Amino acid sequence: MSDAMSPADAERLCQACGACCAYSENWPRFSTEEDAVLDLIPKQLVNARGSGMRCDNDRCAALAGKIGEAVSCTIYAIRPEVCRTCMPGDAECAMARRKHGLPVL
């Protein structure tokens, strides 16, 4: 993928994908977030251990839509740091897209 991807292109690709949000129940974990930030996430979306997002199988419970077509994060503005760092075309994106049979960017 080109380094010249615009923010709008990156957002469009993410909103048509969602593979990273349905890669592993262990992926959407909390790491560097402050307790005050984590308190903003609805409790029904946090796993029983309080260590990350609740997942249904490997899919994050905050993900709405169909993988590879159109998706959105229902808590986008307060999503965990791990969700903020996965970028279109990076190694994590490629790994997740492969799992769902989507072409690597």
N, C-alpha and C. Protein backbone atom coordinates (compact mmCIF):
# COMPACT_ATOMS: atom_id res chain seq x y z
N MET A 1 0.84 -1.17 0.00
CA MET A 1 0.00 0.00 0.00
C MET A 1 0.89 1.24 0.00
N SER A 2 0.44 2.27 -0.61
CA SER A 2 1.21 3.50 -0.72
C SER A 2 1.24 4.25 0.61
N ASP A 3 2.40 4.87 0.89
CA ASP A 3 2.51 5.69 2.08
C ASP A 3 1.70 6.97 1.95
N ALA A 4 1.24 7.28 0.72
CA ALA A 4 0.52 8.51 0.47
C ALA A 4 -0.98 8.37 0.68
N MET A 5 -1.44 7.33 1.36
CA MET A 5 -2.87 7.15 1.59
C MET A 5 -3.40 8.30 2.43
N SER A 6 -4.47 8.89 1.97
CA SER A 6 -5.07 10.00 2.72
C SER A 6 -5.84 9.46 3.91
N PRO A 7 -6.06 10.28 4.93
CA PRO A 7 -6.88 9.86 6.07
C PRO A 7 -8.28 9.42 5.63
N ALA A 8 -8.83 10.07 4.63
CA ALA A 8 -10.17 9.71 4.14
C ALA A 8 -10.16 8.32 3.51
N ASP A 9 -9.09 8.00 2.74
CA ASP A 9 -8.97 6.67 2.15
C ASP A 9 -8.82 5.61 3.22
N ALA A 10 -8.02 5.90 4.24
CA ALA A 10 -7.82 4.95 5.34
C ALA A 10 -9.14 4.69 6.07
N GLU A 11 -9.90 5.74 6.32
CA GLU A 11 -11.19 5.58 7.02
C GLU A 11 -12.16 4.77 6.17
N ARG A 12 -12.19 5.03 4.87
CA ARG A 12 -13.08 4.30 3.96
C ARG A 12 -12.73 2.81 3.95
N LEU A 13 -11.44 2.50 3.89
CA LEU A 13 -11.01 1.10 3.90
C LEU A 13 -11.40 0.40 5.20
N CYS A 14 -11.22 1.07 6.32
CA CYS A 14 -11.58 0.48 7.60
C CYS A 14 -13.09 0.24 7.70
N GLN A 15 -13.86 1.19 7.23
CA GLN A 15 -15.31 1.07 7.33
C GLN A 15 -15.89 0.03 6.38
N ALA A 16 -15.07 -0.46 5.46
CA ALA A 16 -15.51 -1.52 4.56
C ALA A 16 -14.86 -2.84 4.92
N CYS A 17 -14.17 -2.91 6.04
CA CYS A 17 -13.41 -4.11 6.39
C CYS A 17 -13.83 -4.68 7.73
N GLY A 18 -13.20 -4.24 8.81
CA GLY A 18 -13.51 -4.72 10.15
C GLY A 18 -12.81 -6.00 10.54
N ALA A 19 -11.94 -6.51 9.69
CA ALA A 19 -11.27 -7.79 9.98
C ALA A 19 -10.47 -7.74 11.27
N CYS A 20 -9.83 -6.63 11.55
CA CYS A 20 -9.03 -6.53 12.78
C CYS A 20 -9.89 -6.62 14.02
N CYS A 21 -11.16 -6.24 13.90
CA CYS A 21 -12.08 -6.27 15.04
C CYS A 21 -12.71 -7.65 15.24
N ALA A 22 -12.37 -8.57 14.37
CA ALA A 22 -12.91 -9.92 14.45
C ALA A 22 -11.80 -10.95 14.22
N TYR A 23 -10.62 -10.61 14.70
CA TYR A 23 -9.46 -11.48 14.50
C TYR A 23 -9.27 -12.48 15.64
N SER A 24 -9.36 -12.00 16.88
CA SER A 24 -9.09 -12.86 18.04
C SER A 24 -9.75 -12.27 19.27
N GLU A 25 -10.32 -13.12 20.10
CA GLU A 25 -10.93 -12.64 21.33
C GLU A 25 -9.88 -12.07 22.29
N ASN A 26 -8.62 -12.36 22.04
CA ASN A 26 -7.54 -11.84 22.89
C ASN A 26 -6.96 -10.53 22.39
N TRP A 27 -7.33 -10.11 21.19
CA TRP A 27 -6.72 -8.92 20.61
C TRP A 27 -7.26 -7.63 21.21
N PRO A 28 -8.56 -7.43 21.34
CA PRO A 28 -9.00 -6.12 21.84
C PRO A 28 -8.82 -5.99 23.35
N ARG A 29 -7.55 -6.00 23.77
CA ARG A 29 -7.23 -5.96 25.20
C ARG A 29 -6.90 -4.53 25.61
N PHE A 30 -7.05 -4.29 26.89
CA PHE A 30 -6.69 -2.98 27.41
C PHE A 30 -5.21 -3.00 27.79
N SER A 31 -4.53 -1.88 27.57
CA SER A 31 -3.10 -1.86 27.88
C SER A 31 -2.71 -0.56 28.57
N THR A 32 -2.71 0.53 27.86
CA THR A 32 -2.21 1.78 28.42
C THR A 32 -3.31 2.74 28.86
N GLU A 33 -4.56 2.31 28.77
CA GLU A 33 -5.67 3.21 29.09
C GLU A 33 -5.74 3.51 30.59
N GLU A 34 -6.08 4.73 30.90
CA GLU A 34 -6.32 5.14 32.28
C GLU A 34 -7.68 4.60 32.72
N ASP A 35 -7.85 4.35 34.01
CA ASP A 35 -9.11 3.84 34.53
C ASP A 35 -10.29 4.75 34.16
N ALA A 36 -10.08 6.05 34.19
CA ALA A 36 -11.15 6.98 33.85
C ALA A 36 -11.62 6.80 32.41
N VAL A 37 -10.71 6.48 31.52
CA VAL A 37 -11.06 6.23 30.12
C VAL A 37 -11.82 4.91 30.00
N LEU A 38 -11.33 3.89 30.67
CA LEU A 38 -11.99 2.58 30.62
C LEU A 38 -13.39 2.64 31.20
N ASP A 39 -13.60 3.49 32.18
CA ASP A 39 -14.92 3.62 32.79
C ASP A 39 -15.96 4.15 31.81
N LEU A 40 -15.53 4.75 30.72
CA LEU A 40 -16.46 5.26 29.71
C LEU A 40 -17.03 4.15 28.83
N ILE A 41 -16.32 3.03 28.75
CA ILE A 41 -16.77 1.92 27.91
C ILE A 41 -17.93 1.21 28.61
N PRO A 42 -19.05 1.03 27.93
CA PRO A 42 -20.19 0.35 28.56
C PRO A 42 -19.78 -1.03 29.11
N LYS A 43 -20.17 -1.30 30.34
CA LYS A 43 -19.77 -2.54 31.02
C LYS A 43 -20.14 -3.79 30.23
N GLN A 44 -21.25 -3.77 29.50
CA GLN A 44 -21.66 -4.95 28.74
C GLN A 44 -20.71 -5.24 27.56
N LEU A 45 -19.81 -4.31 27.26
CA LEU A 45 -18.85 -4.52 26.18
C LEU A 45 -17.46 -4.92 26.70
N VAL A 46 -17.30 -5.01 28.01
CA VAL A 46 -16.02 -5.38 28.62
C VAL A 46 -16.07 -6.86 29.01
N ASN A 47 -14.97 -7.58 28.78
CA ASN A 47 -14.95 -9.01 29.11
C ASN A 47 -15.02 -9.25 30.61
N ALA A 48 -15.29 -10.49 30.99
CA ALA A 48 -15.48 -10.85 32.40
C ALA A 48 -14.25 -10.56 33.25
N ARG A 49 -13.06 -10.63 32.66
CA ARG A 49 -11.82 -10.37 33.41
C ARG A 49 -11.53 -8.88 33.55
N GLY A 50 -12.26 -8.06 32.78
CA GLY A 50 -12.01 -6.63 32.80
C GLY A 50 -10.72 -6.25 32.09
N SER A 51 -10.19 -7.17 31.28
CA SER A 51 -8.89 -6.96 30.64
C SER A 51 -8.99 -6.52 29.19
N GLY A 52 -10.20 -6.46 28.65
CA GLY A 52 -10.36 -6.08 27.25
C GLY A 52 -11.82 -6.07 26.85
N MET A 53 -12.05 -5.93 25.59
CA MET A 53 -13.41 -5.91 25.06
C MET A 53 -14.00 -7.31 25.09
N ARG A 54 -15.31 -7.39 25.31
CA ARG A 54 -16.01 -8.67 25.23
C ARG A 54 -16.11 -9.04 23.76
N CYS A 55 -15.91 -10.30 23.48
CA CYS A 55 -16.01 -10.79 22.11
C CYS A 55 -17.02 -11.92 22.03
N ASP A 56 -17.69 -12.01 20.91
CA ASP A 56 -18.54 -13.14 20.58
C ASP A 56 -17.72 -13.97 19.60
N ASN A 57 -17.22 -15.10 20.07
CA ASN A 57 -16.19 -15.86 19.36
C ASN A 57 -14.98 -14.93 19.23
N ASP A 58 -14.56 -14.61 18.04
CA ASP A 58 -13.41 -13.72 17.87
C ASP A 58 -13.81 -12.29 17.55
N ARG A 59 -15.09 -12.02 17.43
CA ARG A 59 -15.58 -10.71 17.01
C ARG A 59 -15.86 -9.80 18.21
N CYS A 60 -15.30 -8.61 18.18
CA CYS A 60 -15.53 -7.62 19.23
C CYS A 60 -17.02 -7.28 19.30
N ALA A 61 -17.55 -7.24 20.50
CA ALA A 61 -18.97 -6.96 20.70
C ALA A 61 -19.34 -5.53 20.30
N ALA A 62 -18.37 -4.65 20.16
CA ALA A 62 -18.65 -3.27 19.76
C ALA A 62 -18.71 -3.09 18.25
N LEU A 63 -18.40 -4.14 17.49
CA LEU A 63 -18.39 -4.05 16.03
C LEU A 63 -19.78 -4.29 15.48
N ALA A 64 -20.25 -3.38 14.64
CA ALA A 64 -21.54 -3.52 13.96
C ALA A 64 -21.28 -3.67 12.47
N GLY A 65 -22.09 -4.47 11.79
CA GLY A 65 -21.99 -4.61 10.35
C GLY A 65 -21.40 -5.93 9.92
N LYS A 66 -21.13 -6.03 8.61
CA LYS A 66 -20.64 -7.26 8.00
C LYS A 66 -19.18 -7.10 7.58
N ILE A 67 -18.33 -8.00 8.07
CA ILE A 67 -16.89 -7.97 7.76
C ILE A 67 -16.69 -7.97 6.24
N GLY A 68 -15.83 -7.09 5.78
CA GLY A 68 -15.48 -7.02 4.37
C GLY A 68 -16.46 -6.22 3.52
N GLU A 69 -17.54 -5.75 4.14
CA GLU A 69 -18.53 -4.98 3.37
C GLU A 69 -18.73 -3.59 3.96
N ALA A 70 -19.28 -3.53 5.16
CA ALA A 70 -19.53 -2.24 5.82
C ALA A 70 -19.61 -2.49 7.31
N VAL A 71 -18.74 -1.85 8.07
CA VAL A 71 -18.70 -2.02 9.52
C VAL A 71 -18.52 -0.68 10.20
N SER A 72 -18.81 -0.67 11.50
CA SER A 72 -18.53 0.51 12.31
C SER A 72 -18.32 0.06 13.74
N CYS A 73 -17.59 0.86 14.47
CA CYS A 73 -17.36 0.61 15.89
C CYS A 73 -18.38 1.44 16.66
N THR A 74 -19.15 0.77 17.51
CA THR A 74 -20.19 1.48 18.25
C THR A 74 -19.63 2.34 19.37
N ILE A 75 -18.33 2.19 19.68
CA ILE A 75 -17.68 3.04 20.69
C ILE A 75 -16.43 3.70 20.11
N TYR A 76 -16.46 4.05 18.84
CA TYR A 76 -15.29 4.55 18.13
C TYR A 76 -14.54 5.64 18.89
N ALA A 77 -15.24 6.61 19.42
CA ALA A 77 -14.59 7.74 20.09
C ALA A 77 -13.85 7.33 21.36
N ILE A 78 -14.24 6.22 21.97
CA ILE A 78 -13.62 5.79 23.23
C ILE A 78 -13.00 4.40 23.11
N ARG A 79 -12.73 3.96 21.88
CA ARG A 79 -12.17 2.62 21.66
C ARG A 79 -10.80 2.49 22.33
N PRO A 80 -10.42 1.25 22.69
CA PRO A 80 -9.12 1.03 23.36
C PRO A 80 -7.93 1.40 22.46
N GLU A 81 -6.80 1.60 23.10
CA GLU A 81 -5.57 1.98 22.39
C GLU A 81 -5.20 0.96 21.31
N VAL A 82 -5.34 -0.34 21.59
CA VAL A 82 -4.98 -1.36 20.60
C VAL A 82 -5.79 -1.17 19.31
N CYS A 83 -7.01 -0.70 19.43
CA CYS A 83 -7.85 -0.45 18.26
C CYS A 83 -7.37 0.78 17.49
N ARG A 84 -6.83 1.73 18.21
CA ARG A 84 -6.36 2.97 17.58
C ARG A 84 -5.05 2.76 16.81
N THR A 85 -4.27 1.78 17.22
CA THR A 85 -2.96 1.61 16.61
C THR A 85 -2.97 0.71 15.38
N CYS A 86 -3.99 -0.10 15.19
CA CYS A 86 -4.09 -0.94 13.98
C CYS A 86 -4.46 -0.04 12.82
N MET A 87 -3.62 0.00 11.81
CA MET A 87 -3.81 0.91 10.68
C MET A 87 -3.94 0.13 9.38
N PRO A 88 -4.69 0.66 8.40
CA PRO A 88 -4.84 -0.02 7.12
C PRO A 88 -3.48 -0.33 6.50
N GLY A 89 -3.28 -1.59 6.17
CA GLY A 89 -2.06 -2.01 5.49
C GLY A 89 -0.92 -2.42 6.40
N ASP A 90 -1.04 -2.21 7.72
CA ASP A 90 0.07 -2.62 8.59
C ASP A 90 0.03 -4.14 8.80
N ALA A 91 1.00 -4.66 9.54
CA ALA A 91 1.13 -6.11 9.71
C ALA A 91 -0.11 -6.72 10.36
N GLU A 92 -0.67 -6.04 11.36
CA GLU A 92 -1.87 -6.56 12.03
C GLU A 92 -3.06 -6.58 11.09
N CYS A 93 -3.20 -5.53 10.29
CA CYS A 93 -4.27 -5.45 9.30
C CYS A 93 -4.14 -6.62 8.31
N ALA A 94 -2.95 -6.83 7.79
CA ALA A 94 -2.73 -7.90 6.81
C ALA A 94 -3.07 -9.27 7.40
N MET A 95 -2.65 -9.51 8.62
CA MET A 95 -2.91 -10.79 9.28
C MET A 95 -4.43 -11.00 9.44
N ALA A 96 -5.13 -9.98 9.87
CA ALA A 96 -6.57 -10.08 10.08
C ALA A 96 -7.31 -10.25 8.75
N ARG A 97 -6.90 -9.50 7.75
CA ARG A 97 -7.56 -9.62 6.44
C ARG A 97 -7.37 -11.01 5.86
N ARG A 98 -6.17 -11.58 6.01
CA ARG A 98 -5.93 -12.95 5.52
C ARG A 98 -6.89 -13.94 6.20
N LYS A 99 -7.07 -13.80 7.50
CA LYS A 99 -7.94 -14.71 8.25
C LYS A 99 -9.35 -14.71 7.68
N HIS A 100 -9.80 -13.56 7.21
CA HIS A 100 -11.17 -13.45 6.69
C HIS A 100 -11.24 -13.57 5.17
N GLY A 101 -10.14 -13.98 4.55
CA GLY A 101 -10.14 -14.18 3.10
C GLY A 101 -10.20 -12.91 2.29
N LEU A 102 -9.78 -11.80 2.90
CA LEU A 102 -9.76 -10.53 2.20
C LEU A 102 -8.37 -10.26 1.66
N PRO A 103 -8.25 -9.58 0.54
CA PRO A 103 -6.91 -9.28 0.01
C PRO A 103 -6.15 -8.33 0.93
N VAL A 104 -4.86 -8.56 1.03
CA VAL A 104 -4.00 -7.69 1.83
C VAL A 104 -3.84 -6.37 1.09
N LEU A 105 -3.86 -5.27 1.84
CA LEU A 105 -3.73 -3.94 1.25
C LEU A 105 -2.30 -3.63 0.89
